[in-house]
């Protein structure tokens, strides 16, 4: 199944858009991730695209207002799988409560974090 660009998905607390900046897949998240049910559909799509060799990932978190250990677990699983496949996961737009959670858990030292999409895409281009 070929990925469809600019897909929009909605859940009660989390909505997201998927776009392809070949070979990078960008997930624009809005809302919150505070339990597995909120990210279940997103996780399926992320892992489906990973299995199609879209292992260079950018999560735009500018619209993500809250997360907790459930969100952290999702991001860690995705980071691990992408790195196993030779890719990476970059976070952009980390701010507010989400930024605080990442700093408290010292995840700002684990993830590559940039301010915007242009910086993230330039990071991937430099690796080619």
PDB file of N, CA and C in Angstrom:
ATOM      1  N   UNK A   1       0.846  -1.186   0.000  1.00  0.00           N
ATOM      2  CA  UNK A   1       0.000   0.000   0.000  1.00  0.00           C
ATOM      3  C   UNK A   1       0.884   1.239   0.000  1.00  0.00           C
ATOM      4  N   UNK A   2       0.699   2.086  -0.949  1.00  0.00           N
ATOM      5  CA  UNK A   2       1.460   3.324  -1.037  1.00  0.00           C
ATOM      6  C   UNK A   2       0.900   4.341  -0.034  1.00  0.00           C
ATOM      7  N   UNK A   3       1.773   5.095   0.605  1.00  0.00           N
ATOM      8  CA  UNK A   3       1.284   6.108   1.541  1.00  0.00           C
ATOM      9  C   UNK A   3       0.554   7.223   0.794  1.00  0.00           C
ATOM     10  N   UNK A   4      -0.480   7.708   1.419  1.00  0.00           N
ATOM     11  CA  UNK A   4      -1.233   8.824   0.853  1.00  0.00           C
ATOM     12  C   UNK A   4      -0.778  10.092   1.554  1.00  0.00           C
ATOM     13  N   UNK A   5      -0.362  11.064   0.760  1.00  0.00           N
ATOM     14  CA  UNK A   5       0.115  12.307   1.346  1.00  0.00           C
ATOM     15  C   UNK A   5      -1.029  13.128   1.911  1.00  0.00           C
ATOM     16  N   UNK A   6      -0.681  13.893   2.916  1.00  0.00           N
ATOM     17  CA  UNK A   6      -1.600  14.826   3.553  1.00  0.00           C
ATOM     18  C   UNK A   6      -2.867  14.160   4.073  1.00  0.00           C
ATOM     19  N   UNK A   7      -2.699  12.998   4.679  1.00  0.00           N
ATOM     20  CA  UNK A   7      -3.822  12.332   5.309  1.00  0.00           C
ATOM     21  C   UNK A   7      -4.149  13.044   6.616  1.00  0.00           C
ATOM     22  N   UNK A   8      -5.434  13.149   6.920  1.00  0.00           N
ATOM     23  CA  UNK A   8      -5.858  13.719   8.196  1.00  0.00           C
ATOM     24  C   UNK A   8      -6.604  12.634   8.962  1.00  0.00           C
ATOM     25  N   UNK A   9      -6.278  12.504  10.229  1.00  0.00           N
ATOM     26  CA  UNK A   9      -6.933  11.535  11.083  1.00  0.00           C
ATOM     27  C   UNK A   9      -7.339  12.234  12.371  1.00  0.00           C
ATOM     28  N   UNK A  10      -8.483  11.806  12.922  1.00  0.00           N
ATOM     29  CA  UNK A  10      -8.970  12.393  14.160  1.00  0.00           C
ATOM     30  C   UNK A  10      -9.330  11.321  15.164  1.00  0.00           C
ATOM     31  N   UNK A  11      -9.049  11.614  16.408  1.00  0.00           N
ATOM     32  CA  UNK A  11      -9.415  10.815  17.556  1.00  0.00           C
ATOM     33  C   UNK A  11     -10.051  11.824  18.502  1.00  0.00           C
ATOM     34  N   UNK A  12     -10.641  11.372  19.566  1.00  0.00           N
ATOM     35  CA  UNK A  12     -11.249  12.320  20.496  1.00  0.00           C
ATOM     36  C   UNK A  12     -10.251  13.363  21.007  1.00  0.00           C
ATOM     37  N   UNK A  13      -9.039  12.925  21.341  1.00  0.00           N
ATOM     38  CA  UNK A  13      -8.076  13.835  21.942  1.00  0.00           C
ATOM     39  C   UNK A  13      -6.847  14.107  21.084  1.00  0.00           C
ATOM     40  N   UNK A  14      -6.669  13.371  20.004  1.00  0.00           N
ATOM     41  CA  UNK A  14      -5.494  13.532  19.159  1.00  0.00           C
ATOM     42  C   UNK A  14      -5.910  13.510  17.701  1.00  0.00           C
ATOM     43  N   UNK A  15      -5.463  14.510  16.975  1.00  0.00           N
ATOM     44  CA  UNK A  15      -5.623  14.488  15.525  1.00  0.00           C
ATOM     45  C   UNK A  15      -4.242  14.670  14.921  1.00  0.00           C
ATOM     46  N   UNK A  16      -4.095  14.200  13.700  1.00  0.00           N
ATOM     47  CA  UNK A  16      -2.791  14.307  13.065  1.00  0.00           C
ATOM     48  C   UNK A  16      -2.926  14.310  11.559  1.00  0.00           C
ATOM     49  N   UNK A  17      -1.933  14.910  10.942  1.00  0.00           N
ATOM     50  CA  UNK A  17      -1.808  14.915   9.493  1.00  0.00           C
ATOM     51  C   UNK A  17      -0.490  14.258   9.147  1.00  0.00           C
ATOM     52  N   UNK A  18      -0.494  13.536   8.038  1.00  0.00           N
ATOM     53  CA  UNK A  18       0.714  12.884   7.553  1.00  0.00           C
ATOM     54  C   UNK A  18       1.057  13.481   6.202  1.00  0.00           C
ATOM     55  N   UNK A  19       2.311  13.890   6.049  1.00  0.00           N
ATOM     56  CA  UNK A  19       2.770  14.343   4.737  1.00  0.00           C
ATOM     57  C   UNK A  19       4.128  13.716   4.459  1.00  0.00           C
ATOM     58  N   UNK A  20       4.404  13.532   3.191  1.00  0.00           N
ATOM     59  CA  UNK A  20       5.657  12.920   2.770  1.00  0.00           C
ATOM     60  C   UNK A  20       6.535  13.986   2.132  1.00  0.00           C
ATOM     61  N   UNK A  21       7.727  14.150   2.686  1.00  0.00           N
ATOM     62  CA  UNK A  21       8.769  15.006   2.111  1.00  0.00           C
ATOM     63  C   UNK A  21       9.883  14.032   1.730  1.00  0.00           C
ATOM     64  N   UNK A  22       9.618  13.210   0.716  1.00  0.00           N
ATOM     65  CA  UNK A  22      10.424  12.041   0.382  1.00  0.00           C
ATOM     66  C   UNK A  22      11.914  12.289   0.528  1.00  0.00           C
ATOM     67  N   UNK A  23      12.623  11.498   1.291  1.00  0.00           N
ATOM     68  CA  UNK A  23      12.246  10.232   1.929  1.00  0.00           C
ATOM     69  C   UNK A  23      11.808  10.377   3.389  1.00  0.00           C
ATOM     70  N   UNK A  24      11.373  11.555   3.786  1.00  0.00           N
ATOM     71  CA  UNK A  24      11.000  11.824   5.182  1.00  0.00           C
ATOM     72  C   UNK A  24       9.483  11.857   5.301  1.00  0.00           C
ATOM     73  N   UNK A  25       8.975  11.242   6.365  1.00  0.00           N
ATOM     74  CA  UNK A  25       7.548  11.327   6.645  1.00  0.00           C
ATOM     75  C   UNK A  25       7.358  12.258   7.843  1.00  0.00           C
ATOM     76  N   UNK A  26       6.413  13.184   7.698  1.00  0.00           N
ATOM     77  CA  UNK A  26       6.164  14.206   8.716  1.00  0.00           C
ATOM     78  C   UNK A  26       4.772  13.983   9.301  1.00  0.00           C
ATOM     79  N   UNK A  27       4.730  13.901  10.622  1.00  0.00           N
ATOM     80  CA  UNK A  27       3.469  13.742  11.348  1.00  0.00           C
ATOM     81  C   UNK A  27       3.232  15.011  12.143  1.00  0.00           C
ATOM     82  N   UNK A  28       2.150  15.716  11.833  1.00  0.00           N
ATOM     83  CA  UNK A  28       1.790  16.941  12.529  1.00  0.00           C
ATOM     84  C   UNK A  28       0.712  16.583  13.555  1.00  0.00           C
ATOM     85  N   UNK A  29       1.061  16.635  14.839  1.00  0.00           N
ATOM     86  CA  UNK A  29       0.157  16.201  15.902  1.00  0.00           C
ATOM     87  C   UNK A  29      -0.529  17.392  16.553  1.00  0.00           C
ATOM     88  N   UNK A  30      -1.824  17.195  16.878  1.00  0.00           N
ATOM     89  CA  UNK A  30      -2.598  18.221  17.577  1.00  0.00           C
ATOM     90  C   UNK A  30      -3.425  17.539  18.652  1.00  0.00           C
ATOM     91  N   UNK A  31      -3.428  18.143  19.837  1.00  0.00           N
ATOM     92  CA  UNK A  31      -4.220  17.588  20.932  1.00  0.00           C
ATOM     93  C   UNK A  31      -3.343  17.084  22.046  1.00  0.00           C
ATOM     94  N   UNK A  32      -3.647  15.864  22.521  1.00  0.00           N
ATOM     95  CA  UNK A  32      -2.870  15.316  23.621  1.00  0.00           C
ATOM     96  C   UNK A  32      -2.724  13.807  23.491  1.00  0.00           C
ATOM     97  N   UNK A  33      -1.654  13.302  24.079  1.00  0.00           N
ATOM     98  CA  UNK A  33      -1.420  11.863  24.169  1.00  0.00           C
ATOM     99  C   UNK A  33      -1.233  11.554  25.647  1.00  0.00           C
ATOM    100  N   UNK A  34      -2.284  10.976  26.256  1.00  0.00           N
ATOM    101  CA  UNK A  34      -2.192  10.639  27.674  1.00  0.00           C
ATOM    102  C   UNK A  34      -2.563   9.187  27.953  1.00  0.00           C
ATOM    103  N   UNK A  35      -2.911   8.435  26.905  1.00  0.00           N
ATOM    104  CA  UNK A  35      -3.125   6.997  27.072  1.00  0.00           C
ATOM    105  C   UNK A  35      -2.973   6.305  25.716  1.00  0.00           C
ATOM    106  N   UNK A  36      -2.850   4.990  25.748  1.00  0.00           N
ATOM    107  CA  UNK A  36      -2.593   4.226  24.524  1.00  0.00           C
ATOM    108  C   UNK A  36      -3.701   4.360  23.493  1.00  0.00           C
ATOM    109  N   UNK A  37      -4.936   4.477  23.935  1.00  0.00           N
ATOM    110  CA  UNK A  37      -6.050   4.588  22.986  1.00  0.00           C
ATOM    111  C   UNK A  37      -5.925   5.825  22.119  1.00  0.00           C
ATOM    112  N   UNK A  38      -5.332   6.876  22.664  1.00  0.00           N
ATOM    113  CA  UNK A  38      -5.199   8.121  21.915  1.00  0.00           C
ATOM    114  C   UNK A  38      -4.177   8.017  20.790  1.00  0.00           C
ATOM    115  N   UNK A  39      -3.180   7.172  20.934  1.00  0.00           N
ATOM    116  CA  UNK A  39      -2.173   7.066  19.877  1.00  0.00           C
ATOM    117  C   UNK A  39      -2.222   5.759  19.096  1.00  0.00           C
ATOM    118  N   UNK A  40      -3.171   4.896  19.397  1.00  0.00           N
ATOM    119  CA  UNK A  40      -3.245   3.577  18.767  1.00  0.00           C
ATOM    120  C   UNK A  40      -3.306   3.640  17.236  1.00  0.00           C
ATOM    121  N   UNK A  41      -4.184   4.452  16.691  1.00  0.00           N
ATOM    122  CA  UNK A  41      -4.319   4.566  15.228  1.00  0.00           C
ATOM    123  C   UNK A  41      -3.060   5.179  14.617  1.00  0.00           C
ATOM    124  N   UNK A  42      -2.522   6.201  15.272  1.00  0.00           N
ATOM    125  CA  UNK A  42      -1.284   6.832  14.798  1.00  0.00           C
ATOM    126  C   UNK A  42      -0.155   5.813  14.781  1.00  0.00           C
ATOM    127  N   UNK A  43      -0.020   5.037  15.829  1.00  0.00           N
ATOM    128  CA  UNK A  43       1.047   4.044  15.915  1.00  0.00           C
ATOM    129  C   UNK A  43       0.958   3.041  14.766  1.00  0.00           C
ATOM    130  N   UNK A  44      -0.239   2.601  14.441  1.00  0.00           N
ATOM    131  CA  UNK A  44      -0.418   1.664  13.321  1.00  0.00           C
ATOM    132  C   UNK A  44       0.064   2.283  12.022  1.00  0.00           C
ATOM    133  N   UNK A  45      -0.280   3.533  11.794  1.00  0.00           N
ATOM    134  CA  UNK A  45       0.142   4.196  10.556  1.00  0.00           C
ATOM    135  C   UNK A  45       1.651   4.424  10.531  1.00  0.00           C
ATOM    136  N   UNK A  46       2.226   4.821  11.667  1.00  0.00           N
ATOM    137  CA  UNK A  46       3.668   5.038  11.742  1.00  0.00           C
ATOM    138  C   UNK A  46       4.407   3.740  11.424  1.00  0.00           C
ATOM    139  N   UNK A  47       3.996   2.649  12.049  1.00  0.00           N
ATOM    140  CA  UNK A  47       4.691   1.383  11.838  1.00  0.00           C
ATOM    141  C   UNK A  47       4.434   0.816  10.449  1.00  0.00           C
ATOM    142  N   UNK A  48       3.267   1.083   9.878  1.00  0.00           N
ATOM    143  CA  UNK A  48       3.001   0.695   8.497  1.00  0.00           C
ATOM    144  C   UNK A  48       3.972   1.409   7.553  1.00  0.00           C
ATOM    145  N   UNK A  49       4.150   2.703   7.746  1.00  0.00           N
ATOM    146  CA  UNK A  49       5.070   3.459   6.896  1.00  0.00           C
ATOM    147  C   UNK A  49       6.524   3.067   7.162  1.00  0.00           C
ATOM    148  N   UNK A  50       6.864   2.769   8.412  1.00  0.00           N
ATOM    149  CA  UNK A  50       8.211   2.279   8.707  1.00  0.00           C
ATOM    150  C   UNK A  50       8.486   1.002   7.913  1.00  0.00           C
ATOM    151  N   UNK A  51       7.506   0.133   7.846  1.00  0.00           N
ATOM    152  CA  UNK A  51       7.660  -1.120   7.107  1.00  0.00           C
ATOM    153  C   UNK A  51       7.723  -0.911   5.597  1.00  0.00           C
ATOM    154  N   UNK A  52       7.371   0.301   5.147  1.00  0.00           N
ATOM    155  CA  UNK A  52       7.508   0.665   3.735  1.00  0.00           C
ATOM    156  C   UNK A  52       8.775   1.494   3.517  1.00  0.00           C
ATOM    157  N   UNK A  53       9.683   1.417   4.477  1.00  0.00           N
ATOM    158  CA  UNK A  53      10.992   2.089   4.434  1.00  0.00           C
ATOM    159  C   UNK A  53      10.928   3.601   4.583  1.00  0.00           C
ATOM    160  N   UNK A  54       9.894   4.099   5.205  1.00  0.00           N
ATOM    161  CA  UNK A  54       9.851   5.512   5.597  1.00  0.00           C
ATOM    162  C   UNK A  54      10.316   5.578   7.046  1.00  0.00           C
ATOM    163  N   UNK A  55      11.633   5.438   7.222  1.00  0.00           N
ATOM    164  CA  UNK A  55      12.204   5.366   8.560  1.00  0.00           C
ATOM    165  C   UNK A  55      12.892   6.660   8.975  1.00  0.00           C
ATOM    166  N   UNK A  56      12.780   7.691   8.172  1.00  0.00           N
ATOM    167  CA  UNK A  56      13.216   9.036   8.566  1.00  0.00           C
ATOM    168  C   UNK A  56      11.956   9.805   8.939  1.00  0.00           C
ATOM    169  N   UNK A  57      11.834  10.083  10.214  1.00  0.00           N
ATOM    170  CA  UNK A  57      10.567  10.577  10.761  1.00  0.00           C
ATOM    171  C   UNK A  57      10.749  11.943  11.403  1.00  0.00           C
ATOM    172  N   UNK A  58       9.747  12.796  11.202  1.00  0.00           N
ATOM    173  CA  UNK A  58       9.657  14.066  11.921  1.00  0.00           C
ATOM    174  C   UNK A  58       8.285  14.119  12.573  1.00  0.00           C
ATOM    175  N   UNK A  59       8.265  14.354  13.872  1.00  0.00           N
ATOM    176  CA  UNK A  59       7.014  14.625  14.576  1.00  0.00           C
ATOM    177  C   UNK A  59       6.986  16.107  14.899  1.00  0.00           C
ATOM    178  N   UNK A  60       5.974  16.796  14.352  1.00  0.00           N
ATOM    179  CA  UNK A  60       5.759  18.209  14.661  1.00  0.00           C
ATOM    180  C   UNK A  60       4.827  18.267  15.861  1.00  0.00           C
ATOM    181  N   UNK A  61       5.365  18.693  16.996  1.00  0.00           N
ATOM    182  CA  UNK A  61       4.612  18.688  18.249  1.00  0.00           C
ATOM    183  C   UNK A  61       4.069  20.060  18.633  1.00  0.00           C
ATOM    184  N   UNK A  62       4.137  21.005  17.716  1.00  0.00           N
ATOM    185  CA  UNK A  62       3.672  22.357  18.045  1.00  0.00           C
ATOM    186  C   UNK A  62       2.229  22.362  18.538  1.00  0.00           C
ATOM    187  N   UNK A  63       1.390  21.508  17.980  1.00  0.00           N
ATOM    188  CA  UNK A  63      -0.017  21.461  18.369  1.00  0.00           C
ATOM    189  C   UNK A  63      -0.333  20.448  19.457  1.00  0.00           C
ATOM    190  N   UNK A  64       0.697  19.760  19.962  1.00  0.00           N
ATOM    191  CA  UNK A  64       0.491  18.796  21.047  1.00  0.00           C
ATOM    192  C   UNK A  64       0.529  19.550  22.372  1.00  0.00           C
ATOM    193  N   UNK A  65      -0.572  19.515  23.106  1.00  0.00           N
ATOM    194  CA  UNK A  65      -0.669  20.311  24.322  1.00  0.00           C
ATOM    195  C   UNK A  65      -0.267  19.560  25.579  1.00  0.00           C
ATOM    196  N   UNK A  66      -0.454  18.237  25.600  1.00  0.00           N
ATOM    197  CA  UNK A  66      -0.140  17.440  26.783  1.00  0.00           C
ATOM    198  C   UNK A  66       0.359  16.060  26.375  1.00  0.00           C
ATOM    199  N   UNK A  67       1.261  15.536  27.184  1.00  0.00           N
ATOM    200  CA  UNK A  67       1.663  14.140  27.067  1.00  0.00           C
ATOM    201  C   UNK A  67       2.141  13.675  28.433  1.00  0.00           C
ATOM    202  N   UNK A  68       2.269  12.364  28.557  1.00  0.00           N
ATOM    203  CA  UNK A  68       2.747  11.769  29.806  1.00  0.00           C
ATOM    204  C   UNK A  68       3.549  10.523  29.450  1.00  0.00           C
ATOM    205  N   UNK A  69       3.635   9.569  30.351  1.00  0.00           N
ATOM    206  CA  UNK A  69       4.430   8.367  30.096  1.00  0.00           C
ATOM    207  C   UNK A  69       3.919   7.578  28.894  1.00  0.00           C
ATOM    208  N   UNK A  70       2.640   7.640  28.609  1.00  0.00           N
ATOM    209  CA  UNK A  70       2.101   6.950  27.427  1.00  0.00           C
ATOM    210  C   UNK A  70       2.668   7.554  26.150  1.00  0.00           C
ATOM    211  N   UNK A  71       2.687   8.861  26.072  1.00  0.00           N
ATOM    212  CA  UNK A  71       3.263   9.522  24.905  1.00  0.00           C
ATOM    213  C   UNK A  71       4.746   9.259  24.790  1.00  0.00           C
ATOM    214  N   UNK A  72       5.437   9.300  25.929  1.00  0.00           N
ATOM    215  CA  UNK A  72       6.876   9.029  25.936  1.00  0.00           C
ATOM    216  C   UNK A  72       7.137   7.613  25.422  1.00  0.00           C
ATOM    217  N   UNK A  73       6.341   6.645  25.866  1.00  0.00           N
ATOM    218  CA  UNK A  73       6.504   5.256  25.417  1.00  0.00           C
ATOM    219  C   UNK A  73       6.313   5.151  23.911  1.00  0.00           C
ATOM    220  N   UNK A  74       5.301   5.837  23.374  1.00  0.00           N
ATOM    221  CA  UNK A  74       5.065   5.823  21.932  1.00  0.00           C
ATOM    222  C   UNK A  74       6.254   6.398  21.165  1.00  0.00           C
ATOM    223  N   UNK A  75       6.753   7.540  21.608  1.00  0.00           N
ATOM    224  CA  UNK A  75       7.890   8.159  20.921  1.00  0.00           C
ATOM    225  C   UNK A  75       9.143   7.287  21.026  1.00  0.00           C
ATOM    226  N   UNK A  76       9.346   6.647  22.176  1.00  0.00           N
ATOM    227  CA  UNK A  76      10.521   5.780  22.347  1.00  0.00           C
ATOM    228  C   UNK A  76      10.436   4.552  21.443  1.00  0.00           C
ATOM    229  N   UNK A  77       9.257   3.934  21.351  1.00  0.00           N
ATOM    230  CA  UNK A  77       9.100   2.777  20.460  1.00  0.00           C
ATOM    231  C   UNK A  77       9.384   3.164  19.019  1.00  0.00           C
ATOM    232  N   UNK A  78       8.883   4.316  18.629  1.00  0.00           N
ATOM    233  CA  UNK A  78       9.084   4.785  17.261  1.00  0.00           C
ATOM    234  C   UNK A  78      10.552   5.111  17.006  1.00  0.00           C
ATOM    235  N   UNK A  79      11.197   5.782  17.946  1.00  0.00           N
ATOM    236  CA  UNK A  79      12.616   6.103  17.817  1.00  0.00           C
ATOM    237  C   UNK A  79      13.445   4.825  17.681  1.00  0.00           C
ATOM    238  N   UNK A  80      13.189   3.861  18.536  1.00  0.00           N
ATOM    239  CA  UNK A  80      13.945   2.604  18.513  1.00  0.00           C
ATOM    240  C   UNK A  80      13.783   1.882  17.184  1.00  0.00           C
ATOM    241  N   UNK A  81      12.554   1.752  16.726  1.00  0.00           N
ATOM    242  CA  UNK A  81      12.291   1.041  15.460  1.00  0.00           C
ATOM    243  C   UNK A  81      12.946   1.774  14.286  1.00  0.00           C
ATOM    244  N   UNK A  82      12.846   3.100  14.256  1.00  0.00           N
ATOM    245  CA  UNK A  82      13.428   3.841  13.130  1.00  0.00           C
ATOM    246  C   UNK A  82      14.948   3.705  13.124  1.00  0.00           C
ATOM    247  N   UNK A  83      15.566   3.740  14.297  1.00  0.00           N
ATOM    248  CA  UNK A  83      17.021   3.599  14.358  1.00  0.00           C
ATOM    249  C   UNK A  83      17.471   2.187  14.003  1.00  0.00           C
ATOM    250  N   UNK A  84      16.719   1.182  14.398  1.00  0.00           N
ATOM    251  CA  UNK A  84      17.038  -0.194  14.010  1.00  0.00           C
ATOM    252  C   UNK A  84      17.051  -0.324  12.489  1.00  0.00           C
ATOM    253  N   UNK A  85      16.158   0.412  11.840  1.00  0.00           N
ATOM    254  CA  UNK A  85      16.044   0.346  10.383  1.00  0.00           C
ATOM    255  C   UNK A  85      17.029   1.279   9.681  1.00  0.00           C
ATOM    256  N   UNK A  86      17.853   1.992  10.447  1.00  0.00           N
ATOM    257  CA  UNK A  86      18.845   2.880   9.848  1.00  0.00           C
ATOM    258  C   UNK A  86      18.391   4.314   9.708  1.00  0.00           C
ATOM    259  N   UNK A  87      17.282   4.646  10.318  1.00  0.00           N
ATOM    260  CA  UNK A  87      16.755   6.008  10.242  1.00  0.00           C
ATOM    261  C   UNK A  87      16.878   6.732  11.554  1.00  0.00           C
ATOM    262  N   UNK A  88      15.968   7.674  11.769  1.00  0.00           N
ATOM    263  CA  UNK A  88      15.971   8.451  13.000  1.00  0.00           C
ATOM    264  C   UNK A  88      14.605   9.093  13.175  1.00  0.00           C
ATOM    265  N   UNK A  89      14.419   9.696  14.331  1.00  0.00           N
ATOM    266  CA  UNK A  89      13.205  10.422  14.642  1.00  0.00           C
ATOM    267  C   UNK A  89      13.633  11.798  15.138  1.00  0.00           C
ATOM    268  N   UNK A  90      13.071  12.830  14.528  1.00  0.00           N
ATOM    269  CA  UNK A  90      13.345  14.204  14.929  1.00  0.00           C
ATOM    270  C   UNK A  90      12.047  14.828  15.424  1.00  0.00           C
ATOM    271  N   UNK A  91      12.140  15.583  16.495  1.00  0.00           N
ATOM    272  CA  UNK A  91      10.995  16.320  17.022  1.00  0.00           C
ATOM    273  C   UNK A  91      11.170  17.790  16.710  1.00  0.00           C
ATOM    274  N   UNK A  92      10.071  18.425  16.319  1.00  0.00           N
ATOM    275  CA  UNK A  92      10.089  19.875  16.106  1.00  0.00           C
ATOM    276  C   UNK A  92       8.903  20.497  16.850  1.00  0.00           C
ATOM    277  N   UNK A  93       9.006  21.784  17.122  1.00  0.00           N
ATOM    278  CA  UNK A  93       7.902  22.509  17.738  1.00  0.00           C
ATOM    279  C   UNK A  93       7.581  22.080  19.156  1.00  0.00           C
ATOM    280  N   UNK A  94       8.559  21.558  19.878  1.00  0.00           N
ATOM    281  CA  UNK A  94       8.332  21.111  21.256  1.00  0.00           C
ATOM    282  C   UNK A  94       8.218  22.350  22.142  1.00  0.00           C
ATOM    283  N   UNK A  95       7.092  22.468  22.846  1.00  0.00           N
ATOM    284  CA  UNK A  95       6.862  23.668  23.646  1.00  0.00           C
ATOM    285  C   UNK A  95       5.910  23.392  24.797  1.00  0.00           C
ATOM    286  N   UNK A  96       5.770  24.347  25.674  1.00  0.00           N
ATOM    287  CA  UNK A  96       4.794  24.291  26.768  1.00  0.00           C
ATOM    288  C   UNK A  96       4.950  23.084  27.668  1.00  0.00           C
ATOM    289  N   UNK A  97       3.806  22.482  28.014  1.00  0.00           N
ATOM    290  CA  UNK A  97       3.786  21.330  28.921  1.00  0.00           C
ATOM    291  C   UNK A  97       4.569  20.147  28.364  1.00  0.00           C
ATOM    292  N   UNK A  98       4.505  19.962  27.068  1.00  0.00           N
ATOM    293  CA  UNK A  98       5.224  18.850  26.441  1.00  0.00           C
ATOM    294  C   UNK A  98       6.733  19.045  26.620  1.00  0.00           C
ATOM    295  N   UNK A  99       7.191  20.251  26.432  1.00  0.00           N
ATOM    296  CA  UNK A  99       8.618  20.544  26.616  1.00  0.00           C
ATOM    297  C   UNK A  99       9.041  20.273  28.057  1.00  0.00           C
ATOM    298  N   UNK A 100       8.200  20.651  29.008  1.00  0.00           N
ATOM    299  CA  UNK A 100       8.506  20.414  30.415  1.00  0.00           C
ATOM    300  C   UNK A 100       8.638  18.924  30.703  1.00  0.00           C
ATOM    301  N   UNK A 101       7.724  18.124  30.175  1.00  0.00           N
ATOM    302  CA  UNK A 101       7.778  16.672  30.373  1.00  0.00           C
ATOM    303  C   UNK A 101       9.070  16.113  29.798  1.00  0.00           C
ATOM    304  N   UNK A 102       9.422  16.545  28.592  1.00  0.00           N
ATOM    305  CA  UNK A 102      10.650  16.060  27.962  1.00  0.00           C
ATOM    306  C   UNK A 102      11.884  16.468  28.766  1.00  0.00           C
ATOM    307  N   UNK A 103      11.887  17.679  29.297  1.00  0.00           N
ATOM    308  CA  UNK A 103      13.039  18.139  30.086  1.00  0.00           C
ATOM    309  C   UNK A 103      13.141  17.390  31.409  1.00  0.00           C
ATOM    310  N   UNK A 104      12.028  17.190  32.084  1.00  0.00           N
ATOM    311  CA  UNK A 104      12.028  16.475  33.367  1.00  0.00           C
ATOM    312  C   UNK A 104      12.528  15.047  33.180  1.00  0.00           C
ATOM    313  N   UNK A 105      12.089  14.399  32.099  1.00  0.00           N
ATOM    314  CA  UNK A 105      12.504  13.020  31.820  1.00  0.00           C
ATOM    315  C   UNK A 105      13.860  12.953  31.113  1.00  0.00           C
ATOM    316  N   UNK A 106      14.481  14.112  30.912  1.00  0.00           N
ATOM    317  CA  UNK A 106      15.781  14.210  30.227  1.00  0.00           C
ATOM    318  C   UNK A 106      15.726  13.676  28.790  1.00  0.00           C
ATOM    319  N   UNK A 107      14.547  13.698  28.196  1.00  0.00           N
ATOM    320  CA  UNK A 107      14.390  13.214  26.820  1.00  0.00           C
ATOM    321  C   UNK A 107      14.910  14.216  25.805  1.00  0.00           C
ATOM    322  N   UNK A 108      15.094  15.456  26.238  1.00  0.00           N
ATOM    323  CA  UNK A 108      15.695  16.439  25.341  1.00  0.00           C
ATOM    324  C   UNK A 108      17.151  16.088  25.065  1.00  0.00           C
ATOM    325  N   UNK A 109      17.703  15.153  25.850  1.00  0.00           N
ATOM    326  CA  UNK A 109      19.066  14.667  25.612  1.00  0.00           C
ATOM    327  C   UNK A 109      19.079  13.405  24.752  1.00  0.00           C
ATOM    328  N   UNK A 110      17.925  12.780  24.576  1.00  0.00           N
ATOM    329  CA  UNK A 110      17.812  11.531  23.808  1.00  0.00           C
ATOM    330  C   UNK A 110      17.426  11.817  22.358  1.00  0.00           C
ATOM    331  N   UNK A 111      16.484  12.726  22.178  1.00  0.00           N
ATOM    332  CA  UNK A 111      15.958  13.022  20.848  1.00  0.00           C
ATOM    333  C   UNK A 111      16.712  14.163  20.182  1.00  0.00           C
ATOM    334  N   UNK A 112      16.708  14.129  18.865  1.00  0.00           N
ATOM    335  CA  UNK A 112      17.160  15.278  18.085  1.00  0.00           C
ATOM    336  C   UNK A 112      15.961  16.217  17.992  1.00  0.00           C
ATOM    337  N   UNK A 113      16.128  17.435  18.455  1.00  0.00           N
ATOM    338  CA  UNK A 113      15.018  18.397  18.482  1.00  0.00           C
ATOM    339  C   UNK A 113      15.442  19.657  17.739  1.00  0.00           C
ATOM    340  N   UNK A 114      14.576  20.079  16.806  1.00  0.00           N
ATOM    341  CA  UNK A 114      14.785  21.326  16.081  1.00  0.00           C
ATOM    342  C   UNK A 114      13.560  22.211  16.249  1.00  0.00           C
ATOM    343  N   UNK A 115      13.735  23.484  15.908  1.00  0.00           N
ATOM    344  CA  UNK A 115      12.642  24.446  16.016  1.00  0.00           C
ATOM    345  C   UNK A 115      11.571  24.240  14.942  1.00  0.00           C
ATOM    346  N   UNK A 116      12.014  23.911  13.706  1.00  0.00           N
ATOM    347  CA  UNK A 116      11.051  23.872  12.604  1.00  0.00           C
ATOM    348  C   UNK A 116      11.376  22.768  11.598  1.00  0.00           C
ATOM    349  N   UNK A 117      10.483  22.582  10.647  1.00  0.00           N
ATOM    350  CA  UNK A 117      10.608  21.522   9.654  1.00  0.00           C
ATOM    351  C   UNK A 117      11.813  21.718   8.746  1.00  0.00           C
ATOM    352  N   UNK A 118      12.088  22.941   8.373  1.00  0.00           N
ATOM    353  CA  UNK A 118      13.230  23.207   7.492  1.00  0.00           C
ATOM    354  C   UNK A 118      14.532  22.702   8.123  1.00  0.00           C
ATOM    355  N   UNK A 119      14.724  22.985   9.406  1.00  0.00           N
ATOM    356  CA  UNK A 119      15.931  22.523  10.094  1.00  0.00           C
ATOM    357  C   UNK A 119      15.984  20.990  10.135  1.00  0.00           C
ATOM    358  N   UNK A 120      14.845  20.361  10.379  1.00  0.00           N
ATOM    359  CA  UNK A 120      14.798  18.899  10.438  1.00  0.00           C
ATOM    360  C   UNK A 120      15.126  18.281   9.078  1.00  0.00           C
ATOM    361  N   UNK A 121      14.550  18.825   8.010  1.00  0.00           N
ATOM    362  CA  UNK A 121      14.819  18.303   6.668  1.00  0.00           C
ATOM    363  C   UNK A 121      16.279  18.520   6.288  1.00  0.00           C
ATOM    364  N   UNK A 122      16.846  19.651   6.677  1.00  0.00           N
ATOM    365  CA  UNK A 122      18.268  19.905   6.412  1.00  0.00           C
ATOM    366  C   UNK A 122      19.147  18.899   7.142  1.00  0.00           C
ATOM    367  N   UNK A 123      18.745  18.509   8.350  1.00  0.00           N
ATOM    368  CA  UNK A 123      19.477  17.492   9.107  1.00  0.00           C
ATOM    369  C   UNK A 123      19.532  16.188   8.303  1.00  0.00           C
ATOM    370  N   UNK A 124      18.389  15.770   7.782  1.00  0.00           N
ATOM    371  CA  UNK A 124      18.334  14.525   7.018  1.00  0.00           C
ATOM    372  C   UNK A 124      19.128  14.644   5.705  1.00  0.00           C
ATOM    373  N   UNK A 125      19.034  15.809   5.056  1.00  0.00           N
ATOM    374  CA  UNK A 125      19.790  16.009   3.806  1.00  0.00           C
ATOM    375  C   UNK A 125      21.289  15.897   4.041  1.00  0.00           C
ATOM    376  N   UNK A 126      21.754  16.392   5.190  1.00  0.00           N
ATOM    377  CA  UNK A 126      23.176  16.336   5.501  1.00  0.00           C
ATOM    378  C   UNK A 126      23.663  14.896   5.711  1.00  0.00           C
ATOM    379  N   UNK A 127      22.754  13.993   6.007  1.00  0.00           N
ATOM    380  CA  UNK A 127      23.107  12.589   6.233  1.00  0.00           C
ATOM    381  C   UNK A 127      23.199  11.795   4.941  1.00  0.00           C
ATOM    382  N   UNK A 128      22.666  12.329   3.867  1.00  0.00           N
ATOM    383  CA  UNK A 128      22.643  11.581   2.587  1.00  0.00           C
ATOM    384  C   UNK A 128      23.976  11.587   1.909  1.00  0.00           C
TER     385      UNK A 128
END
